[in-house]
N, C-alpha and C. Protein backbone atom coordinates (compact mmCIF):
# COMPACT_ATOMS: atom_id res chain seq x y z
N MET A 1 0.81 -1.20 0.00
CA MET A 1 0.00 0.00 0.00
C MET A 1 0.85 1.27 0.00
N PRO A 2 1.90 1.35 0.85
CA PRO A 2 2.73 2.56 0.81
C PRO A 2 3.40 2.77 -0.56
N ARG A 3 3.72 1.66 -1.24
CA ARG A 3 4.31 1.79 -2.57
C ARG A 3 3.32 2.40 -3.55
N LEU A 4 2.08 2.00 -3.45
CA LEU A 4 1.05 2.54 -4.33
C LEU A 4 0.88 4.04 -4.12
N ILE A 5 0.89 4.45 -2.88
CA ILE A 5 0.76 5.88 -2.57
C ILE A 5 1.96 6.64 -3.13
N LEU A 6 3.15 6.08 -2.98
CA LEU A 6 4.36 6.71 -3.50
C LEU A 6 4.29 6.83 -5.02
N VAL A 7 3.83 5.79 -5.69
CA VAL A 7 3.71 5.82 -7.15
C VAL A 7 2.69 6.88 -7.57
N ILE A 8 1.56 6.95 -6.88
CA ILE A 8 0.54 7.96 -7.21
C ILE A 8 1.09 9.37 -7.03
N VAL A 9 1.82 9.61 -5.95
CA VAL A 9 2.40 10.94 -5.71
C VAL A 9 3.41 11.28 -6.80
N LEU A 10 4.26 10.34 -7.17
CA LEU A 10 5.26 10.60 -8.19
C LEU A 10 4.62 10.85 -9.56
N VAL A 11 3.59 10.10 -9.89
CA VAL A 11 2.89 10.32 -11.16
C VAL A 11 2.22 11.69 -11.14
N ALA A 12 1.64 12.08 -10.01
CA ALA A 12 1.00 13.40 -9.91
C ALA A 12 2.03 14.51 -10.10
N ILE A 13 3.22 14.35 -9.54
CA ILE A 13 4.27 15.36 -9.70
C ILE A 13 4.68 15.47 -11.17
N VAL A 14 4.84 14.35 -11.83
CA VAL A 14 5.25 14.35 -13.24
C VAL A 14 4.16 15.00 -14.10
N VAL A 15 2.92 14.63 -13.88
CA VAL A 15 1.82 15.21 -14.67
C VAL A 15 1.72 16.70 -14.41
N TYR A 16 1.82 17.12 -13.16
CA TYR A 16 1.75 18.54 -12.83
C TYR A 16 2.89 19.31 -13.51
N ALA A 17 4.10 18.79 -13.41
CA ALA A 17 5.24 19.47 -14.03
C ALA A 17 5.07 19.54 -15.54
N PHE A 18 4.55 18.49 -16.14
CA PHE A 18 4.33 18.48 -17.58
C PHE A 18 3.32 19.57 -17.98
N VAL A 19 2.22 19.65 -17.25
CA VAL A 19 1.19 20.65 -17.57
C VAL A 19 1.73 22.06 -17.38
N VAL A 20 2.47 22.30 -16.31
CA VAL A 20 3.05 23.62 -16.08
C VAL A 20 4.04 23.96 -17.19
N ALA A 21 4.84 22.99 -17.61
CA ALA A 21 5.82 23.24 -18.68
C ALA A 21 5.13 23.54 -20.00
N VAL A 22 4.05 22.83 -20.31
CA VAL A 22 3.34 23.07 -21.57
C VAL A 22 2.67 24.44 -21.57
N ARG A 23 2.10 24.84 -20.45
CA ARG A 23 1.37 26.12 -20.38
C ARG A 23 2.27 27.31 -20.07
N MET A 24 3.56 27.08 -19.91
CA MET A 24 4.49 28.13 -19.53
C MET A 24 4.66 29.16 -20.64
N ASN A 25 4.84 30.42 -20.24
CA ASN A 25 5.11 31.49 -21.19
C ASN A 25 6.52 31.30 -21.74
N PRO A 26 6.69 31.19 -23.08
CA PRO A 26 8.02 30.94 -23.65
C PRO A 26 9.03 32.04 -23.33
N LYS A 27 8.56 33.24 -23.03
CA LYS A 27 9.47 34.35 -22.73
C LYS A 27 9.94 34.32 -21.28
N ASN A 28 9.31 33.52 -20.45
CA ASN A 28 9.63 33.51 -19.03
C ASN A 28 9.99 32.10 -18.57
N THR A 29 10.94 31.47 -19.28
CA THR A 29 11.31 30.09 -18.93
C THR A 29 12.44 30.08 -17.91
N PRO A 30 12.47 29.07 -17.05
CA PRO A 30 13.56 28.97 -16.07
C PRO A 30 14.90 28.76 -16.76
N ALA A 31 15.88 29.44 -16.29
CA ALA A 31 17.27 29.34 -16.76
C ALA A 31 17.42 29.68 -18.23
N GLY A 32 16.43 30.29 -18.83
CA GLY A 32 16.51 30.70 -20.24
C GLY A 32 16.48 29.53 -21.21
N ILE A 33 16.13 28.36 -20.74
CA ILE A 33 16.08 27.18 -21.59
C ILE A 33 14.73 27.15 -22.32
N ASN A 34 14.76 26.70 -23.59
CA ASN A 34 13.56 26.65 -24.41
C ASN A 34 12.44 25.89 -23.70
N LYS A 35 11.22 26.35 -23.91
CA LYS A 35 10.04 25.74 -23.30
C LYS A 35 9.92 24.26 -23.63
N TRP A 36 10.12 23.90 -24.87
CA TRP A 36 9.94 22.52 -25.30
C TRP A 36 11.04 21.60 -24.77
N VAL A 37 12.20 22.15 -24.48
CA VAL A 37 13.24 21.35 -23.83
C VAL A 37 12.78 20.98 -22.42
N TRP A 38 12.16 21.94 -21.73
CA TRP A 38 11.63 21.65 -20.40
C TRP A 38 10.51 20.61 -20.47
N VAL A 39 9.66 20.70 -21.49
CA VAL A 39 8.58 19.72 -21.63
C VAL A 39 9.16 18.32 -21.80
N ILE A 40 10.15 18.20 -22.68
CA ILE A 40 10.79 16.89 -22.90
C ILE A 40 11.52 16.43 -21.63
N PHE A 41 12.13 17.39 -20.93
CA PHE A 41 12.88 17.05 -19.72
C PHE A 41 11.95 16.54 -18.62
N THR A 42 10.69 16.96 -18.62
CA THR A 42 9.75 16.44 -17.62
C THR A 42 9.25 15.05 -17.97
N ILE A 43 9.41 14.65 -19.24
CA ILE A 43 8.91 13.34 -19.67
C ILE A 43 10.01 12.29 -19.68
N VAL A 44 11.19 12.62 -20.22
CA VAL A 44 12.24 11.60 -20.42
C VAL A 44 12.78 11.07 -19.09
N PRO A 45 13.41 11.90 -18.26
CA PRO A 45 13.70 11.39 -16.91
C PRO A 45 12.57 11.90 -16.00
N PRO A 46 11.44 11.24 -15.97
CA PRO A 46 10.23 11.86 -15.43
C PRO A 46 10.33 12.39 -14.01
N ILE A 47 10.78 11.62 -13.09
CA ILE A 47 10.73 12.06 -11.69
C ILE A 47 11.79 13.12 -11.43
N VAL A 48 13.03 12.84 -11.78
CA VAL A 48 14.12 13.79 -11.55
C VAL A 48 13.91 15.05 -12.40
N GLY A 49 13.54 14.87 -13.65
CA GLY A 49 13.34 16.02 -14.53
C GLY A 49 12.21 16.90 -14.06
N SER A 50 11.14 16.29 -13.61
CA SER A 50 10.00 17.07 -13.13
C SER A 50 10.34 17.86 -11.88
N ILE A 51 11.04 17.22 -10.96
CA ILE A 51 11.42 17.92 -9.73
C ILE A 51 12.38 19.06 -10.03
N ILE A 52 13.36 18.82 -10.90
CA ILE A 52 14.29 19.89 -11.27
C ILE A 52 13.55 21.03 -11.94
N PHE A 53 12.61 20.71 -12.84
CA PHE A 53 11.84 21.76 -13.50
C PHE A 53 11.03 22.56 -12.49
N LEU A 54 10.34 21.89 -11.58
CA LEU A 54 9.51 22.60 -10.61
C LEU A 54 10.34 23.51 -9.71
N VAL A 55 11.50 23.03 -9.29
CA VAL A 55 12.37 23.87 -8.46
C VAL A 55 12.88 25.06 -9.27
N ALA A 56 13.32 24.83 -10.50
CA ALA A 56 13.82 25.93 -11.34
C ALA A 56 12.70 26.93 -11.63
N ASN A 57 11.51 26.45 -11.88
CA ASN A 57 10.38 27.33 -12.15
C ASN A 57 10.03 28.15 -10.90
N TYR A 58 10.08 27.53 -9.74
CA TYR A 58 9.81 28.24 -8.49
C TYR A 58 10.84 29.35 -8.28
N VAL A 59 12.12 29.03 -8.47
CA VAL A 59 13.17 30.03 -8.29
C VAL A 59 12.99 31.16 -9.31
N ASN A 60 12.70 30.81 -10.56
CA ASN A 60 12.53 31.81 -11.60
C ASN A 60 11.34 32.73 -11.28
N ASN A 61 10.23 32.15 -10.85
CA ASN A 61 9.05 32.96 -10.53
C ASN A 61 9.25 33.80 -9.29
N SER A 62 10.02 33.31 -8.32
CA SER A 62 10.23 34.10 -7.11
C SER A 62 11.14 35.29 -7.41
N ARG A 63 12.04 35.15 -8.37
CA ARG A 63 12.89 36.29 -8.76
C ARG A 63 12.11 37.32 -9.55
N ASN A 64 11.21 36.87 -10.41
CA ASN A 64 10.49 37.77 -11.30
C ASN A 64 9.23 38.37 -10.69
N SER A 65 8.82 37.90 -9.51
CA SER A 65 7.59 38.43 -8.93
C SER A 65 7.87 39.78 -8.28
N PRO A 66 6.91 40.71 -8.36
CA PRO A 66 7.08 41.99 -7.70
C PRO A 66 7.16 41.80 -6.19
N LYS A 67 7.86 42.70 -5.55
CA LYS A 67 8.02 42.61 -4.10
C LYS A 67 6.66 42.74 -3.41
N GLY A 68 6.47 41.94 -2.39
CA GLY A 68 5.25 42.01 -1.62
C GLY A 68 4.18 41.03 -2.07
N THR A 69 4.27 40.50 -3.29
CA THR A 69 3.24 39.57 -3.74
C THR A 69 3.65 38.14 -3.46
N GLY A 70 4.93 37.88 -3.27
CA GLY A 70 5.38 36.52 -3.02
C GLY A 70 5.49 35.74 -4.32
N PRO A 71 6.17 34.61 -4.29
CA PRO A 71 6.33 33.82 -5.51
C PRO A 71 5.02 33.17 -5.92
N ASP A 72 4.96 32.83 -7.19
CA ASP A 72 3.78 32.17 -7.74
C ASP A 72 3.99 30.67 -7.62
N TYR A 73 3.47 30.08 -6.57
CA TYR A 73 3.76 28.68 -6.26
C TYR A 73 3.23 27.72 -7.30
N LEU A 74 2.15 28.05 -7.97
CA LEU A 74 1.54 27.11 -8.90
C LEU A 74 1.91 27.37 -10.35
N GLY A 75 2.87 28.22 -10.60
CA GLY A 75 3.27 28.50 -11.97
C GLY A 75 2.15 29.18 -12.74
N PRO A 76 2.08 28.94 -14.04
CA PRO A 76 1.07 29.62 -14.84
C PRO A 76 -0.34 29.11 -14.62
N LEU A 77 -0.51 28.06 -13.81
CA LEU A 77 -1.85 27.54 -13.59
C LEU A 77 -2.70 28.46 -12.72
N ALA A 78 -2.07 29.21 -11.84
CA ALA A 78 -2.83 30.11 -10.97
C ALA A 78 -1.98 31.33 -10.66
N ARG A 79 -2.21 32.40 -11.37
CA ARG A 79 -1.45 33.62 -11.16
C ARG A 79 -2.01 34.40 -9.98
N ASP A 80 -1.10 35.03 -9.23
CA ASP A 80 -1.50 35.85 -8.10
C ASP A 80 -2.03 37.18 -8.62
N LYS A 81 -3.28 37.44 -8.41
CA LYS A 81 -3.89 38.66 -8.91
C LYS A 81 -4.01 39.71 -7.82
N GLY A 82 -3.30 39.52 -6.73
CA GLY A 82 -3.37 40.46 -5.63
C GLY A 82 -4.47 40.09 -4.67
N PRO A 83 -4.65 40.91 -3.66
CA PRO A 83 -5.67 40.58 -2.67
C PRO A 83 -7.06 40.65 -3.28
N ARG A 84 -7.88 39.71 -2.91
CA ARG A 84 -9.25 39.71 -3.41
C ARG A 84 -10.08 40.64 -2.54
N PRO A 85 -11.02 41.33 -3.15
CA PRO A 85 -11.84 42.23 -2.34
C PRO A 85 -12.71 41.43 -1.38
N GLY A 86 -12.81 41.94 -0.18
CA GLY A 86 -13.62 41.28 0.83
C GLY A 86 -15.09 41.58 0.61
N PRO A 87 -15.91 41.07 1.47
CA PRO A 87 -17.34 41.34 1.32
C PRO A 87 -17.63 42.81 1.57
N MET A 88 -18.61 43.31 0.83
CA MET A 88 -18.97 44.71 0.94
C MET A 88 -19.98 44.89 2.07
N ALA A 89 -19.80 45.94 2.85
CA ALA A 89 -20.75 46.24 3.93
C ALA A 89 -22.09 46.64 3.31
N PRO A 90 -23.19 46.31 3.97
CA PRO A 90 -24.50 46.63 3.39
C PRO A 90 -24.69 48.11 3.11
N ASP A 91 -24.16 48.97 3.97
CA ASP A 91 -24.35 50.41 3.74
C ASP A 91 -23.46 50.95 2.63
N ASP A 92 -22.55 50.15 2.09
CA ASP A 92 -21.72 50.56 0.96
C ASP A 92 -22.18 49.93 -0.35
N ASP A 93 -23.10 48.98 -0.27
CA ASP A 93 -23.55 48.25 -1.45
C ASP A 93 -24.70 49.01 -2.11
N PRO A 94 -24.48 49.53 -3.34
CA PRO A 94 -25.54 50.32 -3.99
C PRO A 94 -26.80 49.50 -4.28
N ASP A 95 -26.66 48.23 -4.59
CA ASP A 95 -27.85 47.40 -4.84
C ASP A 95 -28.69 47.25 -3.58
N PHE A 96 -28.02 47.01 -2.46
CA PHE A 96 -28.73 46.88 -1.19
C PHE A 96 -29.45 48.18 -0.84
N LEU A 97 -28.77 49.32 -1.02
CA LEU A 97 -29.38 50.60 -0.70
C LEU A 97 -30.57 50.88 -1.61
N ARG A 98 -30.46 50.53 -2.89
CA ARG A 98 -31.55 50.73 -3.83
C ARG A 98 -32.76 49.88 -3.42
N GLU A 99 -32.53 48.63 -3.07
CA GLU A 99 -33.62 47.76 -2.63
C GLU A 99 -34.26 48.29 -1.35
N LEU A 100 -33.44 48.82 -0.44
CA LEU A 100 -33.94 49.37 0.80
C LEU A 100 -34.86 50.57 0.54
N GLU A 101 -34.43 51.46 -0.38
CA GLU A 101 -35.25 52.62 -0.73
C GLU A 101 -36.57 52.18 -1.38
N GLU A 102 -36.52 51.19 -2.27
CA GLU A 102 -37.74 50.71 -2.91
C GLU A 102 -38.69 50.11 -1.87
N GLU A 103 -38.14 49.37 -0.93
CA GLU A 103 -38.96 48.78 0.11
C GLU A 103 -39.61 49.87 0.98
N LEU A 104 -38.86 50.90 1.29
CA LEU A 104 -39.39 52.02 2.07
C LEU A 104 -40.50 52.73 1.30
N ARG A 105 -40.29 52.96 -0.01
CA ARG A 105 -41.32 53.61 -0.83
C ARG A 105 -42.59 52.76 -0.89
N ARG A 106 -42.42 51.44 -1.05
CA ARG A 106 -43.59 50.56 -1.07
C ARG A 106 -44.35 50.61 0.25
N ALA A 107 -43.62 50.61 1.37
CA ALA A 107 -44.26 50.66 2.68
C ALA A 107 -45.03 51.98 2.85
N GLN A 108 -44.44 53.09 2.40
CA GLN A 108 -45.13 54.38 2.49
C GLN A 108 -46.37 54.40 1.60
N TYR A 109 -46.26 53.84 0.41
CA TYR A 109 -47.40 53.79 -0.51
C TYR A 109 -48.52 52.93 0.07
N ASP A 110 -48.14 51.76 0.64
CA ASP A 110 -49.14 50.89 1.26
C ASP A 110 -49.83 51.60 2.43
N LYS A 111 -49.08 52.36 3.21
CA LYS A 111 -49.66 53.09 4.33
C LYS A 111 -50.65 54.15 3.84
N LYS A 112 -50.29 54.85 2.77
CA LYS A 112 -51.19 55.86 2.21
C LYS A 112 -52.46 55.20 1.70
N LEU A 113 -52.33 54.03 1.04
CA LEU A 113 -53.51 53.32 0.56
C LEU A 113 -54.42 52.92 1.72
N ARG A 114 -53.81 52.37 2.78
CA ARG A 114 -54.60 51.96 3.94
C ARG A 114 -55.28 53.16 4.58
N ASP A 115 -54.57 54.28 4.70
CA ASP A 115 -55.17 55.50 5.27
C ASP A 115 -56.32 55.99 4.40
N HIS A 116 -56.13 55.95 3.10
CA HIS A 116 -57.17 56.39 2.18
C HIS A 116 -58.39 55.48 2.27
N GLU A 117 -58.16 54.14 2.37
CA GLU A 117 -59.27 53.20 2.51
C GLU A 117 -60.00 53.42 3.83
N ASP A 118 -59.23 53.69 4.90
CA ASP A 118 -59.86 53.95 6.20
C ASP A 118 -60.71 55.21 6.15
N ASP A 119 -60.22 56.26 5.46
CA ASP A 119 -60.97 57.50 5.33
C ASP A 119 -62.25 57.27 4.53
N SER A 120 -62.17 56.49 3.47
CA SER A 120 -63.35 56.25 2.65
C SER A 120 -64.35 55.36 3.36
N ASP A 121 -63.87 54.40 4.18
CA ASP A 121 -64.78 53.54 4.95
C ASP A 121 -65.51 54.35 6.02
N SER A 122 -64.84 55.25 6.68
CA SER A 122 -65.47 56.02 7.75
C SER A 122 -66.44 57.05 7.19
N SER A 123 -66.20 57.57 6.00
CA SER A 123 -67.10 58.57 5.41
C SER A 123 -68.34 57.91 4.83
N SER A 124 -68.27 56.63 4.44
CA SER A 124 -69.45 55.94 3.87
C SER A 124 -70.43 55.49 4.95
N GLN A 125 -70.03 55.42 6.19
CA GLN A 125 -70.92 54.97 7.25
C GLN A 125 -71.77 56.04 7.79
């Protein structure tokens, strides 16, 4: 069983390295080596080549990343787009405020209708 897990992990590393190498930007390759050489290097000596490629890609991305954003751990598969905006407070959300105003207008209109109906009911008696 432990051998099977080890084989699955090694195959996953090779497949991941292959996909990263194929999707890599040709202008931003580790060590200035051609993209397709890296692709072949991840396949021919699969385990060693994949690990060397992933380490070289990590080092290359950590050098090229702007300060403060940190390295791109997943390569071209997931680029760091900066901090994601958090949830918006209800009093800052224009849709929420618009719905609140509409609800208030409807409540005022309903109150006027009820008052008008009450006035008409009392005058008819």
